[in-house]
PDB file of all heavy atoms in Angstrom:
ATOM      1  N   VAL A   1     105.208 112.504 159.857  1.00  0.00           N
ATOM      2  CA  VAL A   1     105.488 113.685 159.074  1.00  0.00           C
ATOM      3  C   VAL A   1     104.317 114.634 159.248  1.00  0.00           C
ATOM      4  O   VAL A   1     103.177 114.183 159.378  1.00  0.00           O
ATOM      5  CB  VAL A   1     105.768 113.376 157.573  1.00  0.00           C
ATOM      6  CG1 VAL A   1     104.529 112.673 156.969  1.00  0.00           C
ATOM      7  CG2 VAL A   1     106.101 114.622 156.776  1.00  0.00           C
ATOM      8  N   PHE A   2     104.590 115.944 159.268  1.00  0.00           N
ATOM      9  CA  PHE A   2     103.538 116.962 159.272  1.00  0.00           C
ATOM     10  C   PHE A   2     103.696 117.816 158.009  1.00  0.00           C
ATOM     11  O   PHE A   2     104.774 118.340 157.753  1.00  0.00           O
ATOM     12  CB  PHE A   2     103.682 117.841 160.515  1.00  0.00           C
ATOM     13  CG  PHE A   2     102.644 118.941 160.650  1.00  0.00           C
ATOM     14  CD1 PHE A   2     101.495 118.733 161.412  1.00  0.00           C
ATOM     15  CD2 PHE A   2     102.800 120.187 160.024  1.00  0.00           C
ATOM     16  CE1 PHE A   2     100.527 119.683 161.528  1.00  0.00           C
ATOM     17  CE2 PHE A   2     101.858 121.173 160.141  1.00  0.00           C
ATOM     18  CZ  PHE A   2     100.704 120.943 160.921  1.00  0.00           C
ATOM     19  N   VAL A   3     102.614 117.919 157.228  1.00  0.00           N
ATOM     20  CA  VAL A   3     102.645 118.638 155.962  1.00  0.00           C
ATOM     21  C   VAL A   3     101.697 119.831 156.067  1.00  0.00           C
ATOM     22  O   VAL A   3     100.481 119.679 156.187  1.00  0.00           O
ATOM     23  CB  VAL A   3     102.222 117.752 154.782  1.00  0.00           C
ATOM     24  CG1 VAL A   3     102.266 118.532 153.496  1.00  0.00           C
ATOM     25  CG2 VAL A   3     103.096 116.533 154.700  1.00  0.00           C
ATOM     26  N   GLY A   4     102.261 121.011 156.031  1.00  0.00           N
ATOM     27  CA  GLY A   4     101.490 122.251 156.135  1.00  0.00           C
ATOM     28  C   GLY A   4     101.213 122.852 154.746  1.00  0.00           C
ATOM     29  O   GLY A   4     102.126 122.916 153.925  1.00  0.00           O
ATOM     30  N   THR A   5      99.998 123.281 154.531  1.00  0.00           N
ATOM     31  CA  THR A   5      99.638 123.975 153.298  1.00  0.00           C
ATOM     32  C   THR A   5      98.777 125.183 153.645  1.00  0.00           C
ATOM     33  O   THR A   5      98.469 125.405 154.800  1.00  0.00           O
ATOM     34  CB  THR A   5      98.830 123.049 152.329  1.00  0.00           C
ATOM     35  OG1 THR A   5      97.554 122.750 152.912  1.00  0.00           O
ATOM     36  CG2 THR A   5      99.600 121.744 152.090  1.00  0.00           C
ATOM     37  N   GLY A   6      98.377 125.969 152.644  1.00  0.00           N
ATOM     38  CA  GLY A   6      97.489 127.112 152.902  1.00  0.00           C
ATOM     39  C   GLY A   6      98.081 128.420 152.498  1.00  0.00           C
ATOM     40  O   GLY A   6      97.575 129.087 151.574  1.00  0.00           O
ATOM     41  N   VAL A   7      99.194 128.839 153.162  1.00  0.00           N
ATOM     42  CA  VAL A   7      99.803 130.092 152.763  1.00  0.00           C
ATOM     43  C   VAL A   7     100.374 129.902 151.354  1.00  0.00           C
ATOM     44  O   VAL A   7     100.845 128.801 150.973  1.00  0.00           O
ATOM     45  CB  VAL A   7     100.926 130.522 153.730  1.00  0.00           C
ATOM     46  CG1 VAL A   7     100.338 130.974 155.049  1.00  0.00           C
ATOM     47  CG2 VAL A   7     101.945 129.405 153.938  1.00  0.00           C
ATOM     48  N   GLN A   8     100.330 130.931 150.543  1.00  0.00           N
ATOM     49  CA  GLN A   8     100.659 130.802 149.133  1.00  0.00           C
ATOM     50  C   GLN A   8     102.121 131.146 148.812  1.00  0.00           C
ATOM     51  O   GLN A   8     102.452 131.722 147.830  1.00  0.00           O
ATOM     52  CB  GLN A   8      99.673 131.676 148.339  1.00  0.00           C
ATOM     53  CG  GLN A   8      98.253 131.138 148.433  1.00  0.00           C
ATOM     54  CD  GLN A   8      97.180 132.173 148.124  1.00  0.00           C
ATOM     55  OE1 GLN A   8      97.419 133.105 147.399  1.00  0.00           O
ATOM     56  NE2 GLN A   8      96.014 131.958 148.688  1.00  0.00           N
ATOM     57  N   THR A   9     102.933 130.709 149.768  1.00  0.00           N
ATOM     58  CA  THR A   9     104.378 130.844 149.614  1.00  0.00           C
ATOM     59  C   THR A   9     105.044 129.767 150.489  1.00  0.00           C
ATOM     60  O   THR A   9     104.378 129.092 151.244  1.00  0.00           O
ATOM     61  CB  THR A   9     104.856 132.235 150.027  1.00  0.00           C
ATOM     62  OG1 THR A   9     106.260 132.399 149.751  1.00  0.00           O
ATOM     63  CG2 THR A   9     104.637 132.480 151.527  1.00  0.00           C
ATOM     64  N   LEU A  10     106.346 129.629 150.313  1.00  0.00           N
ATOM     65  CA  LEU A  10     107.060 128.622 151.093  1.00  0.00           C
ATOM     66  C   LEU A  10     107.358 129.094 152.510  1.00  0.00           C
ATOM     67  O   LEU A  10     107.610 130.295 152.751  1.00  0.00           O
ATOM     68  CB  LEU A  10     108.384 128.265 150.412  1.00  0.00           C
ATOM     69  CG  LEU A  10     108.264 127.463 149.127  1.00  0.00           C
ATOM     70  CD1 LEU A  10     109.600 127.423 148.411  1.00  0.00           C
ATOM     71  CD2 LEU A  10     107.786 126.036 149.427  1.00  0.00           C
ATOM     72  N   ARG A  11     107.316 128.152 153.465  1.00  0.00           N
ATOM     73  CA  ARG A  11     107.839 128.355 154.810  1.00  0.00           C
ATOM     74  C   ARG A  11     108.954 127.383 155.059  1.00  0.00           C
ATOM     75  O   ARG A  11     109.162 126.437 154.321  1.00  0.00           O
ATOM     76  CB  ARG A  11     106.686 128.148 155.813  1.00  0.00           C
ATOM     77  CG  ARG A  11     105.729 129.336 155.932  1.00  0.00           C
ATOM     78  CD  ARG A  11     104.583 129.024 156.885  1.00  0.00           C
ATOM     79  NE  ARG A  11     103.819 130.204 157.208  1.00  0.00           N
ATOM     80  CZ  ARG A  11     102.648 130.210 157.855  1.00  0.00           C
ATOM     81  NH1 ARG A  11     102.166 129.060 158.238  1.00  0.00           N
ATOM     82  NH2 ARG A  11     102.031 131.329 158.105  1.00  0.00           N
ATOM     83  N   GLY A  12     109.639 127.607 156.194  1.00  0.00           N
ATOM     84  CA  GLY A  12     110.759 126.766 156.512  1.00  0.00           C
ATOM     85  C   GLY A  12     110.385 125.361 156.898  1.00  0.00           C
ATOM     86  O   GLY A  12     109.225 125.040 157.134  1.00  0.00           O
ATOM     87  N   ILE A  13     111.418 124.503 156.978  1.00  0.00           N
ATOM     88  CA  ILE A  13     111.284 123.077 157.310  1.00  0.00           C
ATOM     89  C   ILE A  13     112.017 122.824 158.614  1.00  0.00           C
ATOM     90  O   ILE A  13     113.167 123.323 158.826  1.00  0.00           O
ATOM     91  CB  ILE A  13     111.880 122.210 156.187  1.00  0.00           C
ATOM     92  CG1 ILE A  13     111.176 122.463 154.868  1.00  0.00           C
ATOM     93  CG2 ILE A  13     111.815 120.730 156.567  1.00  0.00           C
ATOM     94  CD1 ILE A  13     111.879 121.907 153.646  1.00  0.00           C
ATOM     95  N   GLU A  14     111.383 122.075 159.501  1.00  0.00           N
ATOM     96  CA  GLU A  14     112.001 121.702 160.775  1.00  0.00           C
ATOM     97  C   GLU A  14     112.134 120.179 160.851  1.00  0.00           C
ATOM     98  O   GLU A  14     111.203 119.461 160.389  1.00  0.00           O
ATOM     99  CB  GLU A  14     111.189 122.210 161.941  1.00  0.00           C
ATOM    100  CG  GLU A  14     111.770 121.863 163.315  1.00  0.00           C
ATOM    101  CD  GLU A  14     110.904 122.288 164.483  1.00  0.00           C
ATOM    102  OE1 GLU A  14     109.720 122.642 164.263  1.00  0.00           O
ATOM    103  OE2 GLU A  14     111.407 122.298 165.607  1.00  0.00           O
ATOM    104  N   ILE A  15     113.226 119.701 161.374  1.00  0.00           N
ATOM    105  CA  ILE A  15     113.341 118.270 161.675  1.00  0.00           C
ATOM    106  C   ILE A  15     113.161 118.164 163.217  1.00  0.00           C
ATOM    107  O   ILE A  15     114.031 118.588 163.977  1.00  0.00           O
ATOM    108  CB  ILE A  15     114.703 117.690 161.241  1.00  0.00           C
ATOM    109  CG1 ILE A  15     114.925 117.972 159.757  1.00  0.00           C
ATOM    110  CG2 ILE A  15     114.727 116.191 161.547  1.00  0.00           C
ATOM    111  CD1 ILE A  15     113.885 117.372 158.817  1.00  0.00           C
ATOM    112  N   TYR A  16     112.054 117.599 163.643  1.00  0.00           N
ATOM    113  CA  TYR A  16     111.685 117.577 165.044  1.00  0.00           C
ATOM    114  C   TYR A  16     111.676 116.088 165.492  1.00  0.00           C
ATOM    115  O   TYR A  16     110.898 115.290 164.953  1.00  0.00           O
ATOM    116  CB  TYR A  16     110.315 118.192 165.274  1.00  0.00           C
ATOM    117  CG  TYR A  16     109.739 118.041 166.675  1.00  0.00           C
ATOM    118  CD1 TYR A  16     110.276 118.755 167.711  1.00  0.00           C
ATOM    119  CD2 TYR A  16     108.716 117.180 166.901  1.00  0.00           C
ATOM    120  CE1 TYR A  16     109.765 118.616 169.009  1.00  0.00           C
ATOM    121  CE2 TYR A  16     108.148 117.029 168.160  1.00  0.00           C
ATOM    122  CZ  TYR A  16     108.702 117.735 169.213  1.00  0.00           C
ATOM    123  OH  TYR A  16     108.166 117.586 170.472  1.00  0.00           O
ATOM    124  N   ASN A  17     112.537 115.766 166.438  1.00  0.00           N
ATOM    125  CA  ASN A  17     112.609 114.348 166.880  1.00  0.00           C
ATOM    126  C   ASN A  17     112.814 113.379 165.753  1.00  0.00           C
ATOM    127  O   ASN A  17     112.208 112.303 165.719  1.00  0.00           O
ATOM    128  CB  ASN A  17     111.416 113.953 167.756  1.00  0.00           C
ATOM    129  CG  ASN A  17     111.406 114.680 169.092  1.00  0.00           C
ATOM    130  OD1 ASN A  17     112.411 115.206 169.543  1.00  0.00           O
ATOM    131  ND2 ASN A  17     110.249 114.653 169.761  1.00  0.00           N
ATOM    132  N   GLY A  18     113.587 113.809 164.767  1.00  0.00           N
ATOM    133  CA  GLY A  18     113.845 112.945 163.628  1.00  0.00           C
ATOM    134  C   GLY A  18     112.738 112.874 162.607  1.00  0.00           C
ATOM    135  O   GLY A  18     112.786 112.069 161.661  1.00  0.00           O
ATOM    136  N   LYS A  19     111.699 113.729 162.721  1.00  0.00           N
ATOM    137  CA  LYS A  19     110.554 113.707 161.793  1.00  0.00           C
ATOM    138  C   LYS A  19     110.491 115.076 161.072  1.00  0.00           C
ATOM    139  O   LYS A  19     110.690 116.129 161.670  1.00  0.00           O
ATOM    140  CB  LYS A  19     109.263 113.481 162.553  1.00  0.00           C
ATOM    141  CG  LYS A  19     109.271 112.267 163.519  1.00  0.00           C
ATOM    142  CD  LYS A  19     109.323 110.962 162.794  1.00  0.00           C
ATOM    143  CE  LYS A  19     109.359 109.784 163.761  1.00  0.00           C
ATOM    144  NZ  LYS A  19     108.117 109.609 164.539  1.00  0.00           N
ATOM    145  N   PRO A  20     110.176 115.059 159.755  1.00  0.00           N
ATOM    146  CA  PRO A  20     110.112 116.310 159.012  1.00  0.00           C
ATOM    147  C   PRO A  20     108.802 117.079 159.259  1.00  0.00           C
ATOM    148  O   PRO A  20     107.708 116.449 159.283  1.00  0.00           O
ATOM    149  CB  PRO A  20     110.206 115.871 157.566  1.00  0.00           C
ATOM    150  CG  PRO A  20     109.648 114.475 157.544  1.00  0.00           C
ATOM    151  CD  PRO A  20     109.957 113.868 158.895  1.00  0.00           C
ATOM    152  N   ILE A  21     108.883 118.377 159.425  1.00  0.00           N
ATOM    153  CA  ILE A  21     107.747 119.249 159.491  1.00  0.00           C
ATOM    154  C   ILE A  21     107.880 120.287 158.404  1.00  0.00           C
ATOM    155  O   ILE A  21     108.809 121.056 158.383  1.00  0.00           O
ATOM    156  CB  ILE A  21     107.627 119.946 160.880  1.00  0.00           C
ATOM    157  CG1 ILE A  21     107.452 118.938 162.001  1.00  0.00           C
ATOM    158  CG2 ILE A  21     106.482 120.950 160.876  1.00  0.00           C
ATOM    159  CD1 ILE A  21     107.456 119.537 163.384  1.00  0.00           C
ATOM    160  N   PHE A  22     106.922 120.242 157.450  1.00  0.00           N
ATOM    161  CA  PHE A  22     106.896 121.227 156.369  1.00  0.00           C
ATOM    162  C   PHE A  22     105.823 122.257 156.736  1.00  0.00           C
ATOM    163  O   PHE A  22     104.623 122.009 156.636  1.00  0.00           O
ATOM    164  CB  PHE A  22     106.546 120.526 155.052  1.00  0.00           C
ATOM    165  CG  PHE A  22     107.472 119.406 154.703  1.00  0.00           C
ATOM    166  CD1 PHE A  22     107.124 118.064 154.884  1.00  0.00           C
ATOM    167  CD2 PHE A  22     108.735 119.683 154.172  1.00  0.00           C
ATOM    168  CE1 PHE A  22     107.994 117.047 154.573  1.00  0.00           C
ATOM    169  CE2 PHE A  22     109.623 118.648 153.844  1.00  0.00           C
ATOM    170  CZ  PHE A  22     109.257 117.346 154.050  1.00  0.00           C
ATOM    171  N   TYR A  23     106.258 123.427 157.174  1.00  0.00           N
ATOM    172  CA  TYR A  23     105.318 124.420 157.670  1.00  0.00           C
ATOM    173  C   TYR A  23     104.538 125.096 156.568  1.00  0.00           C
ATOM    174  O   TYR A  23     103.512 125.760 156.841  1.00  0.00           O
ATOM    175  CB  TYR A  23     106.017 125.464 158.534  1.00  0.00           C
ATOM    176  CG  TYR A  23     106.366 124.916 159.906  1.00  0.00           C
ATOM    177  CD1 TYR A  23     107.703 124.649 160.241  1.00  0.00           C
ATOM    178  CD2 TYR A  23     105.388 124.653 160.852  1.00  0.00           C
ATOM    179  CE1 TYR A  23     108.024 124.153 161.503  1.00  0.00           C
ATOM    180  CE2 TYR A  23     105.719 124.171 162.106  1.00  0.00           C
ATOM    181  CZ  TYR A  23     107.033 123.902 162.435  1.00  0.00           C
ATOM    182  OH  TYR A  23     107.341 123.406 163.668  1.00  0.00           O
ATOM    183  N   GLY A  24     104.984 124.989 155.332  1.00  0.00           N
ATOM    184  CA  GLY A  24     104.227 125.568 154.223  1.00  0.00           C
ATOM    185  C   GLY A  24     104.881 125.201 152.905  1.00  0.00           C
ATOM    186  O   GLY A  24     106.009 125.636 152.636  1.00  0.00           O
ATOM    187  N   LEU A  25     104.236 124.382 152.094  1.00  0.00           N
ATOM    188  CA  LEU A  25     104.791 123.936 150.813  1.00  0.00           C
ATOM    189  C   LEU A  25     104.262 124.749 149.628  1.00  0.00           C
ATOM    190  O   LEU A  25     104.512 124.329 148.482  1.00  0.00           O
ATOM    191  CB  LEU A  25     104.559 122.451 150.625  1.00  0.00           C
ATOM    192  CG  LEU A  25     105.453 121.524 151.468  1.00  0.00           C
ATOM    193  CD1 LEU A  25     105.083 120.084 151.302  1.00  0.00           C
ATOM    194  CD2 LEU A  25     106.912 121.716 151.139  1.00  0.00           C
ATOM    195  N   GLY A  26     103.560 125.840 149.880  1.00  0.00           N
ATOM    196  CA  GLY A  26     103.146 126.705 148.782  1.00  0.00           C
ATOM    197  C   GLY A  26     102.156 126.059 147.855  1.00  0.00           C
ATOM    198  O   GLY A  26     101.323 125.224 148.243  1.00  0.00           O
ATOM    199  N   GLU A  27     102.246 126.400 146.559  1.00  0.00           N
ATOM    200  CA  GLU A  27     101.272 126.003 145.555  1.00  0.00           C
ATOM    201  C   GLU A  27     101.930 125.094 144.528  1.00  0.00           C
ATOM    202  O   GLU A  27     102.882 125.464 143.856  1.00  0.00           O
ATOM    203  CB  GLU A  27     100.752 127.239 144.838  1.00  0.00           C
ATOM    204  CG  GLU A  27     100.269 128.371 145.741  1.00  0.00           C
ATOM    205  CD  GLU A  27      98.838 128.198 146.189  1.00  0.00           C
ATOM    206  OE1 GLU A  27      98.590 127.345 147.025  1.00  0.00           O
ATOM    207  OE2 GLU A  27      97.977 128.916 145.681  1.00  0.00           O
ATOM    208  N   PHE A  28     101.440 123.857 144.401  1.00  0.00           N
ATOM    209  CA  PHE A  28     101.976 122.929 143.415  1.00  0.00           C
ATOM    210  C   PHE A  28     101.292 123.163 142.071  1.00  0.00           C
ATOM    211  O   PHE A  28     101.930 123.316 141.042  1.00  0.00           O
ATOM    212  CB  PHE A  28     101.785 121.481 143.876  1.00  0.00           C
ATOM    213  CG  PHE A  28     102.416 120.495 142.928  1.00  0.00           C
ATOM    214  CD1 PHE A  28     103.792 120.548 142.720  1.00  0.00           C
ATOM    215  CD2 PHE A  28     101.680 119.518 142.291  1.00  0.00           C
ATOM    216  CE1 PHE A  28     104.407 119.628 141.860  1.00  0.00           C
ATOM    217  CE2 PHE A  28     102.242 118.608 141.432  1.00  0.00           C
ATOM    218  CZ  PHE A  28     103.635 118.647 141.229  1.00  0.00           C
ATOM    219  N   PHE A  29      99.944 123.194 142.023  1.00  0.00           N
ATOM    220  CA  PHE A  29      99.186 123.698 140.880  1.00  0.00           C
ATOM    221  C   PHE A  29      98.515 124.997 141.341  1.00  0.00           C
ATOM    222  O   PHE A  29      98.086 125.111 142.487  1.00  0.00           O
ATOM    223  CB  PHE A  29      98.104 122.707 140.468  1.00  0.00           C
ATOM    224  CG  PHE A  29      98.510 121.658 139.465  1.00  0.00           C
ATOM    225  CD1 PHE A  29      99.129 120.507 139.899  1.00  0.00           C
ATOM    226  CD2 PHE A  29      98.340 121.855 138.098  1.00  0.00           C
ATOM    227  CE1 PHE A  29      99.497 119.511 138.987  1.00  0.00           C
ATOM    228  CE2 PHE A  29      98.719 120.901 137.186  1.00  0.00           C
ATOM    229  CZ  PHE A  29      99.318 119.695 137.619  1.00  0.00           C
ATOM    230  N   ARG A  30      98.435 125.977 140.424  1.00  0.00           N
ATOM    231  CA  ARG A  30      97.744 127.211 140.758  1.00  0.00           C
ATOM    232  C   ARG A  30      97.055 127.764 139.483  1.00  0.00           C
ATOM    233  O   ARG A  30      97.462 128.827 138.928  1.00  0.00           O
ATOM    234  CB  ARG A  30      98.724 128.230 141.349  1.00  0.00           C
ATOM    235  CG  ARG A  30      98.062 129.516 141.856  1.00  0.00           C
ATOM    236  CD  ARG A  30      99.117 130.437 142.475  1.00  0.00           C
ATOM    237  NE  ARG A  30      98.593 131.801 142.718  1.00  0.00           N
ATOM    238  CZ  ARG A  30      97.901 132.127 143.746  1.00  0.00           C
ATOM    239  NH1 ARG A  30      97.540 131.243 144.658  1.00  0.00           N
ATOM    240  NH2 ARG A  30      97.451 133.370 143.891  1.00  0.00           N
ATOM    241  N   GLU A  31      96.073 127.053 138.999  1.00  0.00           N
ATOM    242  CA  GLU A  31      95.360 127.504 137.812  1.00  0.00           C
ATOM    243  C   GLU A  31      94.248 128.458 138.240  1.00  0.00           C
ATOM    244  O   GLU A  31      93.042 128.193 137.973  1.00  0.00           O
ATOM    245  CB  GLU A  31      94.853 126.296 137.031  1.00  0.00           C
ATOM    246  CG  GLU A  31      95.992 125.463 136.444  1.00  0.00           C
ATOM    247  CD  GLU A  31      95.491 124.314 135.590  1.00  0.00           C
ATOM    248  OE1 GLU A  31      94.746 123.459 136.124  1.00  0.00           O
ATOM    249  OE2 GLU A  31      95.867 124.233 134.411  1.00  0.00           O
ATOM    250  N   ALA A  32      94.650 129.532 138.903  1.00  0.00           N
ATOM    251  CA  ALA A  32      93.676 130.455 139.466  1.00  0.00           C
ATOM    252  C   ALA A  32      93.152 131.492 138.466  1.00  0.00           C
ATOM    253  O   ALA A  32      92.253 132.275 138.769  1.00  0.00           O
ATOM    254  CB  ALA A  32      94.305 131.174 140.665  1.00  0.00           C
ATOM    255  N   GLN A  33      93.728 131.507 137.269  1.00  0.00           N
ATOM    256  CA  GLN A  33      93.268 132.455 136.258  1.00  0.00           C
ATOM    257  C   GLN A  33      91.932 132.073 135.626  1.00  0.00           C
ATOM    258  O   GLN A  33      91.279 132.877 135.008  1.00  0.00           O
ATOM    259  CB  GLN A  33      94.357 132.611 135.162  1.00  0.00           C
ATOM    260  CG  GLN A  33      94.476 131.455 134.182  1.00  0.00           C
ATOM    261  CD  GLN A  33      95.316 130.300 134.687  1.00  0.00           C
ATOM    262  OE1 GLN A  33      95.555 130.208 135.873  1.00  0.00           O
ATOM    263  NE2 GLN A  33      95.774 129.451 133.807  1.00  0.00           N
ATOM    264  N   TRP A  34      91.549 130.813 135.832  1.00  0.00           N
ATOM    265  CA  TRP A  34      90.296 130.334 135.259  1.00  0.00           C
ATOM    266  C   TRP A  34      89.107 130.946 136.016  1.00  0.00           C
ATOM    267  O   TRP A  34      89.100 130.953 137.243  1.00  0.00           O
ATOM    268  CB  TRP A  34      90.160 128.813 135.380  1.00  0.00           C
ATOM    269  CG  TRP A  34      91.035 128.069 134.444  1.00  0.00           C
ATOM    270  CD1 TRP A  34      92.392 127.974 134.453  1.00  0.00           C
ATOM    271  CD2 TRP A  34      90.622 127.247 133.346  1.00  0.00           C
ATOM    272  NE1 TRP A  34      92.852 127.105 133.455  1.00  0.00           N
ATOM    273  CE2 TRP A  34      91.777 126.683 132.767  1.00  0.00           C
ATOM    274  CE3 TRP A  34      89.366 126.934 132.806  1.00  0.00           C
ATOM    275  CZ2 TRP A  34      91.730 125.833 131.672  1.00  0.00           C
ATOM    276  CZ3 TRP A  34      89.299 126.102 131.706  1.00  0.00           C
ATOM    277  CH2 TRP A  34      90.485 125.545 131.124  1.00  0.00           C
TER     278      TRP A  34
END
């Protein structure tokens, strides 16, 4: 599996040779106001 993070929004998902590629999973926690 390939897990992409960094960009602060979602990107698409590809299934490549039967393996998932998450090109951008966005922000799970974002306590940036602190």
